[in-house]
Structure formats: structure tokens, C-alpha cells
Amino acid sequence: MWKNNIAKISLPTPFPVGDVNVYIIKGDTLTLIDTGLQTEQGKEALEQGLEDIGLSINDIEQIVLTHHHPDHAGGLGLFSENVPVYGHPNNQRFLHMTDEFMDEHEQFYLDFALKLGVPSEYKRMIAQIRRSAQFISQRMLRSALLEGDSIPGHSEWKVIETPGHAQSHISLYREKDGVMIGGDHLLEKISPNPLMEPPLQKGSERPKPLLQYNASLKKWLDIPISLLYTGHGNEVFDVPGLIKKQMGRQHGRAMSVKKMLEEKPSTGFEICRQLFPKVYQKELGLTLSETVGQLDYLANLGEIETRDNSGTIIYSVRQ
């Protein structure tokens, strides 16, 4: 169903987050925002959703990605190579994975696991880039979209860089009516996990995604958003209210981590086990990302300090 030249289609995923939302926008060029996964169920749902609004896959003239995660970019292979793909340049290394990149990616996580004190029997669960590669189609961006750019064929839609959940994350804003297509930056009922990624340049300082995420949320507070179309779940109408609620919850989680460290200086892995006792073994990469985010946040506030213990970082409350 079209509303103000936007149509939303929800597609199934096998992930705990559930369905992913993709969007069609009318303009000089018929544009698909995100693709869903390249699964048979995803393809059928996309074809049906397009048929319901009088379109087919062959009618899509270009694709814009909010970020590179498989549930948003995995379906690129459903489309002809002649359909141009646009997105932030940080997408490219994940959209066209080389063996060299996957080796570097795995080594980054293994090295970081050592710093976090992850026991050796768990390390194989962290570096899973090759497993996620099965969900990604090997494609190249036609060109990059950066802060302030317009979507080709849609001069009213402007790009806002919103790193945090992913280093490649962008949002799309239409100023005339305050509509935002936000990807996974802010969701109605789920707190997006700012995920650890290797630095863009090998050997440089790693990104601190939770700090980036909070800065991107604050950036949105300066933008009059009347309606937010999200990557998962329902639309959001009170964006400032949800941002403040989200940041308050996140601060509360960080203070819980501080209390843990007041009781005992700990490694990142030890904190992860305390925060996520029931799921850390099953979702170690995600739970470590969340844990490191809270530790980065506390360190940025000056609440905690670190010391090196034979290559493992010990976190403690600043005295």
C-alpha cells in the first residue's frame, strides 16, 4: 500500500529479530531501500509484496542500502547486475568479501577475544564472518552515498550518516514532511546492538560503536522527524521520546556494569557472562559487542580504568 510515495514490505528472516522491512519509493527512479535475505521465502514475500502494489522485481531500477547486514543486503542477488546499488562506502568490504578481508576480520576478533579474556574453547564462536558470507551476494556499489547527498532520482531524499549499529549505516530523510527511513538505527521495541567491526585500516584503532551510536541518536534530536520507518517492527511517531528512553535504558545498563566492577575487577568476558548468563554461549559475538559497548561508555565517562595482565585487559572502577 502506497503512502506519500512510500510502500513498505515485510520479509521473513531466520534470525531472532524476525521480519525485516524494506521500502519502495517513487520518484524519477523507482528505488528499493534494502533487500531482505536471499532465501526462497524472502524472494516469494518480496515478489508478493511488489505484486500487491502493482510491481515486479524487474521494475526496480536501483537499490539503496541502509547498511550491510545480511537481513538488509543479502537479497542483492535477486536483482540483475544492471540494477545499480548505492550505499555508504563502508558497505563494500562486506558486500564483496575477499579471502584477505575474511582472514583479517577473523584475526581481529581472535586478537580482541584474547584482550577480553575469552577462553580458547569459545574463540571459534566469535569469528563467524565466513558463516555470514553465505547470506551475502557478491556485488559492487555503483557509487557511494555520504552525508548530505541526495539519492539518485530523488532530490528530496537526503542521506544522514548514522554509524553505530554498523559502520556502514545511513538513514534517509525527506525534509518537506519530516519522514525518515531509518534502517536499524532506532526500533520501536528492540534496542539495536552496536556491533563491533574491524577498523577500516588494518592496525588502526578499533571503532567504538556504542559511542558512535549515541552520537548518531543525538544527531537525530536536532532533526524534526514526524514519522520514522524502521528496519524491523512498526513505525515510530515520537522519535525524540524514544531516543531519550533508549539512551536512559542504555545508561542504566552501563551503571549495572559499573556495580559489577565495584564488586570485583573483571575481564570483558567475565562481565559478559554476568550480563548474559543464559545466552552468552549461544550468541557470544553479539553479547560481547554489547558488553564492550558498555565498557567503552563507562571509560568515556571516566568511570572505569584498565590495566594489562599478560595481554588481557582487566577493567576496574576508577579510584
C-alpha atoms as a PDB file:
ATOM      1  CA  MET A   1       0.000   0.000   0.000  1.00  0.00           C
ATOM      2  CA  TRP A   2       1.387   3.370  -1.037  1.00  0.00           C
ATOM      3  CA  LYS A   3       1.513   6.311   1.348  1.00  0.00           C
ATOM      4  CA  ASN A   4       3.148   9.553   0.235  1.00  0.00           C
ATOM      5  CA  ASN A   5       5.090   7.671  -2.466  1.00  0.00           C
ATOM      6  CA  ILE A   6       6.421   5.088   0.006  1.00  0.00           C
ATOM      7  CA  ALA A   7       5.417   1.425   0.213  1.00  0.00           C
ATOM      8  CA  LYS A   8       6.530  -0.928   2.997  1.00  0.00           C
ATOM      9  CA  ILE A   9       7.051  -4.667   2.530  1.00  0.00           C
ATOM     10  CA  SER A  10       7.889  -7.002   5.436  1.00  0.00           C
ATOM     11  CA  LEU A  11      10.036 -10.031   4.602  1.00  0.00           C
ATOM     12  CA  PRO A  12      10.800 -13.117   6.722  1.00  0.00           C
ATOM     13  CA  THR A  13      14.241 -13.844   8.184  1.00  0.00           C
ATOM     14  CA  PRO A  14      15.516 -16.851  10.170  1.00  0.00           C
ATOM     15  CA  PHE A  15      17.027 -14.513  12.765  1.00  0.00           C
ATOM     16  CA  PRO A  16      15.671 -13.784  16.265  1.00  0.00           C
ATOM     17  CA  VAL A  17      14.877 -10.199  15.222  1.00  0.00           C
ATOM     18  CA  GLY A  18      12.087 -11.512  12.993  1.00  0.00           C
ATOM     19  CA  ASP A  19      10.808  -9.898   9.799  1.00  0.00           C
ATOM     20  CA  VAL A  20      12.768  -7.134   8.088  1.00  0.00           C
ATOM     21  CA  ASN A  21      11.095  -4.140   6.469  1.00  0.00           C
ATOM     22  CA  VAL A  22      12.104  -2.952   3.005  1.00  0.00           C
ATOM     23  CA  TYR A  23      10.705   0.106   1.267  1.00  0.00           C
ATOM     24  CA  ILE A  24       9.847   1.177  -2.270  1.00  0.00           C
ATOM     25  CA  ILE A  25       9.984   4.896  -3.015  1.00  0.00           C
ATOM     26  CA  LYS A  26       8.580   6.535  -6.130  1.00  0.00           C
ATOM     27  CA  GLY A  27      10.380   9.330  -7.920  1.00  0.00           C
ATOM     28  CA  ASP A  28      12.291   9.780 -11.132  1.00  0.00           C
ATOM     29  CA  THR A  29      13.754   6.327 -10.417  1.00  0.00           C
ATOM     30  CA  LEU A  30      11.822   3.505  -8.735  1.00  0.00           C
ATOM     31  CA  THR A  31      14.008   2.658  -5.763  1.00  0.00           C
ATOM     32  CA  LEU A  32      14.137  -0.229  -3.299  1.00  0.00           C
ATOM     33  CA  ILE A  33      15.532   0.562   0.152  1.00  0.00           C
ATOM     34  CA  ASP A  34      17.187  -2.652   1.449  1.00  0.00           C
ATOM     35  CA  THR A  35      16.521  -6.115   0.038  1.00  0.00           C
ATOM     36  CA  GLY A  36      15.917  -8.654   2.776  1.00  0.00           C
ATOM     37  CA  LEU A  37      17.648 -12.037   2.584  1.00  0.00           C
ATOM     38  CA  GLN A  38      18.249 -14.139  -0.496  1.00  0.00           C
ATOM     39  CA  THR A  39      16.127 -17.084   0.644  1.00  0.00           C
ATOM     40  CA  GLU A  40      13.235 -18.738  -1.154  1.00  0.00           C
ATOM     41  CA  GLN A  41      10.825 -17.443   1.495  1.00  0.00           C
ATOM     42  CA  GLY A  42      12.271 -13.951   1.261  1.00  0.00           C
ATOM     43  CA  LYS A  43      12.066 -13.937  -2.525  1.00  0.00           C
ATOM     44  CA  GLU A  44       8.443 -15.122  -2.503  1.00  0.00           C
ATOM     45  CA  ALA A  45       7.457 -12.499   0.074  1.00  0.00           C
ATOM     46  CA  LEU A  46       9.180  -9.739  -1.897  1.00  0.00           C
ATOM     47  CA  GLU A  47       7.531 -10.819  -5.157  1.00  0.00           C
ATOM     48  CA  GLN A  48       4.124 -10.940  -3.471  1.00  0.00           C
ATOM     49  CA  GLY A  49       4.628  -7.583  -1.776  1.00  0.00           C
ATOM     50  CA  LEU A  50       5.598  -5.987  -5.072  1.00  0.00           C
ATOM     51  CA  GLU A  51       2.667  -7.622  -6.866  1.00  0.00           C
ATOM     52  CA  ASP A  52       0.309  -6.186  -4.231  1.00  0.00           C
ATOM     53  CA  ILE A  53       1.357  -2.673  -5.274  1.00  0.00           C
ATOM     54  CA  GLY A  54       1.344  -3.412  -8.997  1.00  0.00           C
ATOM     55  CA  LEU A  55       5.071  -4.059  -9.464  1.00  0.00           C
ATOM     56  CA  SER A  56       7.537  -6.868 -10.070  1.00  0.00           C
ATOM     57  CA  ILE A  57      11.214  -7.371  -9.246  1.00  0.00           C
ATOM     58  CA  ASN A  58      12.079  -6.333 -12.807  1.00  0.00           C
ATOM     59  CA  ASP A  59      10.503  -2.908 -12.206  1.00  0.00           C
ATOM     60  CA  ILE A  60      13.086  -1.976  -9.548  1.00  0.00           C
ATOM     61  CA  GLU A  61      15.512   0.482 -11.125  1.00  0.00           C
ATOM     62  CA  GLN A  62      18.003   0.913  -8.287  1.00  0.00           C
ATOM     63  CA  ILE A  63      18.723  -0.219  -4.725  1.00  0.00           C
ATOM     64  CA  VAL A  64      19.860   1.829  -1.731  1.00  0.00           C
ATOM     65  CA  LEU A  65      21.228   0.051   1.348  1.00  0.00           C
ATOM     66  CA  THR A  66      20.860   1.427   4.859  1.00  0.00           C
ATOM     67  CA  HIS A  67      23.685  -0.927   5.925  1.00  0.00           C
ATOM     68  CA  HIS A  68      25.432  -4.150   5.018  1.00  0.00           C
ATOM     69  CA  HIS A  69      23.926  -6.699   7.437  1.00  0.00           C
ATOM     70  CA  PRO A  70      22.601  -9.819   5.676  1.00  0.00           C
ATOM     71  CA  ASP A  71      18.948  -9.229   6.550  1.00  0.00           C
ATOM     72  CA  HIS A  72      19.173  -5.858   4.781  1.00  0.00           C
ATOM     73  CA  ALA A  73      21.610  -6.547   1.935  1.00  0.00           C
ATOM     74  CA  GLY A  74      21.587 -10.319   1.450  1.00  0.00           C
ATOM     75  CA  GLY A  75      18.939 -10.212  -1.268  1.00  0.00           C
ATOM     76  CA  LEU A  76      21.022  -8.246  -3.763  1.00  0.00           C
ATOM     77  CA  GLY A  77      21.482 -11.436  -5.757  1.00  0.00           C
ATOM     78  CA  LEU A  78      17.778 -11.436  -6.608  1.00  0.00           C
ATOM     79  CA  PHE A  79      18.372  -8.472  -8.903  1.00  0.00           C
ATOM     80  CA  SER A  80      20.126  -8.080 -12.225  1.00  0.00           C
ATOM     81  CA  GLU A  81      23.723  -6.875 -12.198  1.00  0.00           C
ATOM     82  CA  ASN A  82      22.408  -3.959 -14.268  1.00  0.00           C
ATOM     83  CA  VAL A  83      20.444  -2.630 -11.271  1.00  0.00           C
ATOM     84  CA  PRO A  84      22.767  -0.114  -9.570  1.00  0.00           C
ATOM     85  CA  VAL A  85      23.374  -0.398  -5.833  1.00  0.00           C
ATOM     86  CA  TYR A  86      24.112   2.637  -3.656  1.00  0.00           C
ATOM     87  CA  GLY A  87      25.159   2.898  -0.038  1.00  0.00           C
ATOM     88  CA  HIS A  88      27.851   4.105   2.325  1.00  0.00           C
ATOM     89  CA  PRO A  89      31.363   3.158   1.169  1.00  0.00           C
ATOM     90  CA  ASN A  90      31.866   1.100   4.340  1.00  0.00           C
ATOM     91  CA  ASN A  91      29.425  -1.429   2.864  1.00  0.00           C
ATOM     92  CA  GLN A  92      31.784  -2.509   0.142  1.00  0.00           C
ATOM     93  CA  ARG A  93      34.183  -4.722   2.091  1.00  0.00           C
ATOM     94  CA  PHE A  94      31.198  -6.747   3.346  1.00  0.00           C
ATOM     95  CA  LEU A  95      29.358  -6.866   0.012  1.00  0.00           C
ATOM     96  CA  HIS A  96      32.351  -8.177  -1.910  1.00  0.00           C
ATOM     97  CA  MET A  97      34.280 -10.237   0.627  1.00  0.00           C
ATOM     98  CA  THR A  98      37.785 -11.264  -0.335  1.00  0.00           C
ATOM     99  CA  ASP A  99      39.689 -14.079   1.359  1.00  0.00           C
ATOM    100  CA  GLU A 100      42.144 -11.461   2.605  1.00  0.00           C
ATOM    101  CA  PHE A 101      39.359  -9.454   4.232  1.00  0.00           C
ATOM    102  CA  MET A 102      37.821 -12.537   5.850  1.00  0.00           C
ATOM    103  CA  ASP A 103      41.225 -13.565   7.216  1.00  0.00           C
ATOM    104  CA  GLU A 104      41.796 -10.070   8.636  1.00  0.00           C
ATOM    105  CA  HIS A 105      38.259  -9.974  10.027  1.00  0.00           C
ATOM    106  CA  GLU A 106      38.677 -13.299  11.833  1.00  0.00           C
ATOM    107  CA  GLN A 107      42.100 -12.334  13.169  1.00  0.00           C
ATOM    108  CA  PHE A 108      40.729  -9.060  14.543  1.00  0.00           C
ATOM    109  CA  TYR A 109      38.093 -10.930  16.559  1.00  0.00           C
ATOM    110  CA  LEU A 110      40.516 -13.594  17.752  1.00  0.00           C
ATOM    111  CA  ASP A 111      43.019 -10.957  18.895  1.00  0.00           C
ATOM    112  CA  PHE A 112      40.274  -8.972  20.591  1.00  0.00           C
ATOM    113  CA  ALA A 113      38.970 -12.134  22.269  1.00  0.00           C
ATOM    114  CA  LEU A 114      42.386 -12.537  23.886  1.00  0.00           C
ATOM    115  CA  LYS A 115      42.195  -8.996  25.248  1.00  0.00           C
ATOM    116  CA  LEU A 116      38.718  -9.706  26.641  1.00  0.00           C
ATOM    117  CA  GLY A 117      39.852 -12.892  28.364  1.00  0.00           C
ATOM    118  CA  VAL A 118      37.710 -15.246  26.280  1.00  0.00           C
ATOM    119  CA  PRO A 119      38.713 -18.882  26.980  1.00  0.00           C
ATOM    120  CA  SER A 120      40.145 -20.705  23.978  1.00  0.00           C
ATOM    121  CA  GLU A 121      37.215 -23.131  23.738  1.00  0.00           C
ATOM    122  CA  TYR A 122      34.889 -20.202  22.954  1.00  0.00           C
ATOM    123  CA  LYS A 123      37.003 -18.380  20.402  1.00  0.00           C
ATOM    124  CA  ARG A 124      35.746 -20.348  17.406  1.00  0.00           C
ATOM    125  CA  MET A 125      32.267 -18.936  18.159  1.00  0.00           C
ATOM    126  CA  ILE A 126      33.379 -15.331  17.694  1.00  0.00           C
ATOM    127  CA  ALA A 127      34.961 -15.197  14.257  1.00  0.00           C
ATOM    128  CA  GLN A 128      31.990 -16.219  12.126  1.00  0.00           C
ATOM    129  CA  ILE A 129      32.498 -13.997   9.104  1.00  0.00           C
ATOM    130  CA  ARG A 130      32.676 -16.982   6.746  1.00  0.00           C
ATOM    131  CA  ARG A 131      29.339 -18.249   8.030  1.00  0.00           C
ATOM    132  CA  SER A 132      27.686 -14.879   7.451  1.00  0.00           C
ATOM    133  CA  ALA A 133      29.245 -14.713   3.977  1.00  0.00           C
ATOM    134  CA  GLN A 134      26.758 -17.347   2.796  1.00  0.00           C
ATOM    135  CA  PHE A 135      23.986 -14.754   3.182  1.00  0.00           C
ATOM    136  CA  ILE A 136      25.735 -12.049   1.137  1.00  0.00           C
ATOM    137  CA  SER A 137      25.669 -11.659  -2.650  1.00  0.00           C
ATOM    138  CA  GLN A 138      28.933 -10.525  -4.180  1.00  0.00           C
ATOM    139  CA  ARG A 139      28.093  -7.076  -5.536  1.00  0.00           C
ATOM    140  CA  MET A 140      29.830  -3.754  -6.032  1.00  0.00           C
ATOM    141  CA  LEU A 141      28.394  -0.360  -5.175  1.00  0.00           C
ATOM    142  CA  ARG A 142      27.709   1.775  -8.241  1.00  0.00           C
ATOM    143  CA  SER A 143      28.738   4.776  -6.154  1.00  0.00           C
ATOM    144  CA  ALA A 144      28.865   5.852  -2.533  1.00  0.00           C
ATOM    145  CA  LEU A 145      26.330   7.872  -0.572  1.00  0.00           C
ATOM    146  CA  LEU A 146      27.664  10.255   2.065  1.00  0.00           C
ATOM    147  CA  GLU A 147      26.263  12.820   4.483  1.00  0.00           C
ATOM    148  CA  GLY A 148      24.101  15.383   2.686  1.00  0.00           C
ATOM    149  CA  ASP A 149      23.955  13.519  -0.625  1.00  0.00           C
ATOM    150  CA  SER A 150      20.656  13.037  -2.411  1.00  0.00           C
ATOM    151  CA  ILE A 151      19.501   9.623  -3.575  1.00  0.00           C
ATOM    152  CA  PRO A 152      19.878   9.486  -7.375  1.00  0.00           C
ATOM    153  CA  GLY A 153      16.495  10.294  -8.895  1.00  0.00           C
ATOM    154  CA  HIS A 154      15.123  11.532  -5.557  1.00  0.00           C
ATOM    155  CA  SER A 155      16.416  15.027  -4.856  1.00  0.00           C
ATOM    156  CA  GLU A 156      14.107  15.403  -1.838  1.00  0.00           C
ATOM    157  CA  TRP A 157      15.666  12.427  -0.011  1.00  0.00           C
ATOM    158  CA  LYS A 158      18.898  13.294   1.813  1.00  0.00           C
ATOM    159  CA  VAL A 159      21.466  10.960   3.331  1.00  0.00           C
ATOM    160  CA  ILE A 160      22.266  11.186   7.029  1.00  0.00           C
ATOM    161  CA  GLU A 161      25.219   9.123   8.238  1.00  0.00           C
ATOM    162  CA  THR A 162      24.249   7.202  11.384  1.00  0.00           C
ATOM    163  CA  PRO A 163      27.136   4.882  12.323  1.00  0.00           C
ATOM    164  CA  GLY A 164      26.783   2.726  15.409  1.00  0.00           C
ATOM    165  CA  HIS A 165      24.712  -0.374  14.712  1.00  0.00           C
ATOM    166  CA  ALA A 166      27.007  -0.734  11.688  1.00  0.00           C
ATOM    167  CA  GLN A 167      29.902   1.360  10.401  1.00  0.00           C
ATOM    168  CA  SER A 168      28.086   1.483   7.054  1.00  0.00           C
ATOM    169  CA  HIS A 169      24.755   2.714   8.433  1.00  0.00           C
ATOM    170  CA  ILE A 170      22.894   5.589   6.798  1.00  0.00           C
ATOM    171  CA  SER A 171      19.377   6.964   7.185  1.00  0.00           C
ATOM    172  CA  LEU A 172      17.272   8.721   4.554  1.00  0.00           C
ATOM    173  CA  TYR A 173      15.382  11.937   5.349  1.00  0.00           C
ATOM    174  CA  ARG A 174      12.704  13.823   3.443  1.00  0.00           C
ATOM    175  CA  GLU A 175      12.653  17.333   4.865  1.00  0.00           C
ATOM    176  CA  LYS A 176       9.367  18.512   3.330  1.00  0.00           C
ATOM    177  CA  ASP A 177       7.298  16.218   5.569  1.00  0.00           C
ATOM    178  CA  GLY A 178       9.856  15.069   8.154  1.00  0.00           C
ATOM    179  CA  VAL A 179       9.793  11.408   7.108  1.00  0.00           C
ATOM    180  CA  MET A 180      12.846   9.284   7.967  1.00  0.00           C
ATOM    181  CA  ILE A 181      13.695   5.822   6.684  1.00  0.00           C
ATOM    182  CA  GLY A 182      15.989   4.743   9.481  1.00  0.00           C
ATOM    183  CA  GLY A 183      17.117   1.169   8.875  1.00  0.00           C
ATOM    184  CA  ASP A 184      18.108  -0.344  12.220  1.00  0.00           C
ATOM    185  CA  HIS A 185      19.182   2.902  13.854  1.00  0.00           C
ATOM    186  CA  LEU A 186      16.112   3.175  16.099  1.00  0.00           C
ATOM    187  CA  LEU A 187      13.433   0.499  16.513  1.00  0.00           C
ATOM    188  CA  GLU A 188      10.123   0.647  18.317  1.00  0.00           C
ATOM    189  CA  LYS A 189      10.560  -2.340  20.641  1.00  0.00           C
ATOM    190  CA  ILE A 190      14.145  -3.521  20.205  1.00  0.00           C
ATOM    191  CA  SER A 191      17.381  -1.882  21.308  1.00  0.00           C
ATOM    192  CA  PRO A 192      19.728  -2.149  18.296  1.00  0.00           C
ATOM    193  CA  ASN A 193      23.061  -3.700  19.206  1.00  0.00           C
ATOM    194  CA  PRO A 194      26.009  -1.530  18.103  1.00  0.00           C
ATOM    195  CA  LEU A 195      28.202  -4.269  16.674  1.00  0.00           C
ATOM    196  CA  MET A 196      31.976  -4.493  16.840  1.00  0.00           C
ATOM    197  CA  GLU A 197      33.709  -4.336  13.482  1.00  0.00           C
ATOM    198  CA  PRO A 198      37.369  -4.313  12.496  1.00  0.00           C
ATOM    199  CA  PRO A 199      38.853  -0.876  11.787  1.00  0.00           C
ATOM    200  CA  LEU A 200      38.738   0.265   8.186  1.00  0.00           C
ATOM    201  CA  GLN A 201      42.527   0.402   8.110  1.00  0.00           C
ATOM    202  CA  LYS A 202      44.334  -2.657   9.427  1.00  0.00           C
ATOM    203  CA  GLY A 203      46.212  -1.850  12.622  1.00  0.00           C
ATOM    204  CA  SER A 204      44.355   1.394  13.364  1.00  0.00           C
ATOM    205  CA  GLU A 205      42.224   1.943  16.465  1.00  0.00           C
ATOM    206  CA  ARG A 206      39.014  -0.090  16.531  1.00  0.00           C
ATOM    207  CA  PRO A 207      35.703   1.763  16.257  1.00  0.00           C
ATOM    208  CA  LYS A 208      33.715   2.270  19.465  1.00  0.00           C
ATOM    209  CA  PRO A 209      30.235   1.603  18.113  1.00  0.00           C
ATOM    210  CA  LEU A 210      28.143   2.403  21.197  1.00  0.00           C
ATOM    211  CA  LEU A 211      29.729   5.854  21.459  1.00  0.00           C
ATOM    212  CA  GLN A 212      29.091   6.353  17.740  1.00  0.00           C
ATOM    213  CA  TYR A 213      25.536   5.106  18.148  1.00  0.00           C
ATOM    214  CA  ASN A 214      24.775   7.546  20.962  1.00  0.00           C
ATOM    215  CA  ALA A 215      26.242  10.407  18.921  1.00  0.00           C
ATOM    216  CA  SER A 216      24.045   9.397  15.969  1.00  0.00           C
ATOM    217  CA  LEU A 217      20.960   9.318  18.211  1.00  0.00           C
ATOM    218  CA  LYS A 218      21.757  12.819  19.497  1.00  0.00           C
ATOM    219  CA  LYS A 219      22.173  13.937  15.890  1.00  0.00           C
ATOM    220  CA  TRP A 220      18.570  12.909  15.230  1.00  0.00           C
ATOM    221  CA  LEU A 221      17.366  15.042  18.142  1.00  0.00           C
ATOM    222  CA  ASP A 222      18.290  18.091  16.056  1.00  0.00           C
ATOM    223  CA  ILE A 223      16.161  16.911  13.108  1.00  0.00           C
ATOM    224  CA  PRO A 224      12.363  17.411  13.014  1.00  0.00           C
ATOM    225  CA  ILE A 225      11.187  13.839  12.374  1.00  0.00           C
ATOM    226  CA  SER A 226       7.426  13.413  12.032  1.00  0.00           C
ATOM    227  CA  LEU A 227       7.471   9.711  11.136  1.00  0.00           C
ATOM    228  CA  LEU A 228      10.153   7.031  11.287  1.00  0.00           C
ATOM    229  CA  TYR A 229      10.001   3.975   9.055  1.00  0.00           C
ATOM    230  CA  THR A 230      12.066   1.286  10.781  1.00  0.00           C
ATOM    231  CA  GLY A 231      14.024  -1.742   9.624  1.00  0.00           C
ATOM    232  CA  HIS A 232      12.052  -4.038  11.934  1.00  0.00           C
ATOM    233  CA  GLY A 233       8.644  -3.633  13.524  1.00  0.00           C
ATOM    234  CA  ASN A 234       6.243  -0.715  13.470  1.00  0.00           C
ATOM    235  CA  GLU A 235       6.667   2.933  12.545  1.00  0.00           C
ATOM    236  CA  VAL A 236       7.647   5.395  15.288  1.00  0.00           C
ATOM    237  CA  PHE A 237       5.895   8.745  15.707  1.00  0.00           C
ATOM    238  CA  ASP A 238       7.561  10.132  18.863  1.00  0.00           C
ATOM    239  CA  VAL A 239      11.187   9.845  17.835  1.00  0.00           C
ATOM    240  CA  PRO A 240      12.655  12.254  20.454  1.00  0.00           C
ATOM    241  CA  GLY A 241      10.771  10.443  23.213  1.00  0.00           C
ATOM    242  CA  LEU A 242      12.030   7.038  22.090  1.00  0.00           C
ATOM    243  CA  ILE A 243      15.601   8.319  21.756  1.00  0.00           C
ATOM    244  CA  LYS A 244      15.590   9.672  25.302  1.00  0.00           C
ATOM    245  CA  LYS A 245      14.073   6.433  26.592  1.00  0.00           C
ATOM    246  CA  GLN A 246      16.663   4.390  24.713  1.00  0.00           C
ATOM    247  CA  MET A 247      19.584   6.438  25.991  1.00  0.00           C
ATOM    248  CA  GLY A 248      18.229   6.269  29.544  1.00  0.00           C
ATOM    249  CA  ARG A 249      17.993   2.476  29.370  1.00  0.00           C
ATOM    250  CA  GLN A 250      21.486   2.241  27.972  1.00  0.00           C
ATOM    251  CA  HIS A 251      22.909   4.437  30.752  1.00  0.00           C
ATOM    252  CA  GLY A 252      21.173   2.205  33.294  1.00  0.00           C
ATOM    253  CA  ARG A 253      22.788  -0.902  31.804  1.00  0.00           C
ATOM    254  CA  ALA A 254      26.184   0.762  31.970  1.00  0.00           C
ATOM    255  CA  MET A 255      25.682   1.642  35.630  1.00  0.00           C
ATOM    256  CA  SER A 256      24.834  -2.020  36.285  1.00  0.00           C
ATOM    257  CA  VAL A 257      28.192  -2.941  34.771  1.00  0.00           C
ATOM    258  CA  LYS A 258      29.897  -0.376  36.990  1.00  0.00           C
ATOM    259  CA  LYS A 259      28.355  -2.033  40.055  1.00  0.00           C
ATOM    260  CA  MET A 260      29.736  -5.385  38.910  1.00  0.00           C
ATOM    261  CA  LEU A 261      33.191  -3.838  38.659  1.00  0.00           C
ATOM    262  CA  GLU A 262      32.838  -2.243  42.094  1.00  0.00           C
ATOM    263  CA  GLU A 263      32.476  -5.744  43.483  1.00  0.00           C
ATOM    264  CA  LYS A 264      35.426  -7.159  41.553  1.00  0.00           C
ATOM    265  CA  PRO A 265      37.778  -6.043  38.751  1.00  0.00           C
ATOM    266  CA  SER A 266      36.971  -8.263  35.783  1.00  0.00           C
ATOM    267  CA  THR A 267      37.740  -9.128  32.186  1.00  0.00           C
ATOM    268  CA  GLY A 268      35.300  -8.294  29.435  1.00  0.00           C
ATOM    269  CA  PHE A 269      34.348 -11.967  29.154  1.00  0.00           C
ATOM    270  CA  GLU A 270      33.577 -12.197  32.874  1.00  0.00           C
ATOM    271  CA  ILE A 271      31.285  -9.170  32.613  1.00  0.00           C
ATOM    272  CA  CYS A 272      29.643 -10.676  29.524  1.00  0.00           C
ATOM    273  CA  ARG A 273      28.813 -13.864  31.440  1.00  0.00           C
ATOM    274  CA  GLN A 274      27.262 -11.828  34.251  1.00  0.00           C
ATOM    275  CA  LEU A 275      25.216  -9.677  31.880  1.00  0.00           C
ATOM    276  CA  PHE A 276      24.009 -12.536  29.684  1.00  0.00           C
ATOM    277  CA  PRO A 277      24.208 -15.764  31.728  1.00  0.00           C
ATOM    278  CA  LYS A 278      21.598 -17.587  29.643  1.00  0.00           C
ATOM    279  CA  VAL A 279      22.614 -16.609  26.120  1.00  0.00           C
ATOM    280  CA  TYR A 280      26.317 -15.708  26.054  1.00  0.00           C
ATOM    281  CA  GLN A 281      27.385 -19.167  24.876  1.00  0.00           C
ATOM    282  CA  LYS A 282      24.848 -19.214  22.050  1.00  0.00           C
ATOM    283  CA  GLU A 283      25.323 -15.585  20.956  1.00  0.00           C
ATOM    284  CA  LEU A 284      28.863 -14.821  22.062  1.00  0.00           C
ATOM    285  CA  GLY A 285      29.662 -12.329  19.308  1.00  0.00           C
ATOM    286  CA  LEU A 286      26.522 -10.266  19.940  1.00  0.00           C
ATOM    287  CA  THR A 287      26.805 -10.354  23.725  1.00  0.00           C
ATOM    288  CA  LEU A 288      30.484  -9.396  23.646  1.00  0.00           C
ATOM    289  CA  SER A 289      29.630  -6.442  21.380  1.00  0.00           C
ATOM    290  CA  GLU A 290      27.030  -5.277  23.898  1.00  0.00           C
ATOM    291  CA  THR A 291      29.465  -5.751  26.791  1.00  0.00           C
ATOM    292  CA  VAL A 292      32.329  -3.908  25.125  1.00  0.00           C
ATOM    293  CA  GLY A 293      29.930  -1.081  24.291  1.00  0.00           C
ATOM    294  CA  GLN A 294      29.034  -0.627  27.951  1.00  0.00           C
ATOM    295  CA  LEU A 295      32.707  -0.709  28.945  1.00  0.00           C
ATOM    296  CA  ASP A 296      33.596   1.852  26.263  1.00  0.00           C
ATOM    297  CA  TYR A 297      30.757   4.051  27.528  1.00  0.00           C
ATOM    298  CA  LEU A 298      31.960   3.868  31.139  1.00  0.00           C
ATOM    299  CA  ALA A 299      35.548   4.530  30.102  1.00  0.00           C
ATOM    300  CA  ASN A 300      34.430   7.563  28.097  1.00  0.00           C
ATOM    301  CA  LEU A 301      32.686   8.901  31.222  1.00  0.00           C
ATOM    302  CA  GLY A 302      35.868   8.376  33.228  1.00  0.00           C
ATOM    303  CA  GLU A 303      34.115   5.865  35.497  1.00  0.00           C
ATOM    304  CA  ILE A 304      36.470   2.933  34.905  1.00  0.00           C
ATOM    305  CA  GLU A 305      40.099   2.242  34.099  1.00  0.00           C
ATOM    306  CA  THR A 306      42.040  -0.634  32.620  1.00  0.00           C
ATOM    307  CA  ARG A 307      45.293  -2.470  33.155  1.00  0.00           C
ATOM    308  CA  ASP A 308      47.030  -5.085  31.066  1.00  0.00           C
ATOM    309  CA  ASN A 309      47.522  -8.558  32.512  1.00  0.00           C
ATOM    310  CA  SER A 310      49.679 -10.534  30.074  1.00  0.00           C
ATOM    311  CA  GLY A 311      47.661  -9.348  27.088  1.00  0.00           C
ATOM    312  CA  THR A 312      44.263  -9.495  28.788  1.00  0.00           C
ATOM    313  CA  ILE A 313      42.522  -6.260  29.793  1.00  0.00           C
ATOM    314  CA  ILE A 314      41.304  -6.016  33.386  1.00  0.00           C
ATOM    315  CA  TYR A 315      38.567  -3.438  33.951  1.00  0.00           C
ATOM    316  CA  SER A 316      38.063  -1.764  37.322  1.00  0.00           C
ATOM    317  CA  VAL A 317      36.295   1.257  38.784  1.00  0.00           C
ATOM    318  CA  ARG A 318      38.426   4.386  38.785  1.00  0.00           C
ATOM    319  CA  GLN A 319      39.527   5.238  42.314  1.00  0.00           C
END
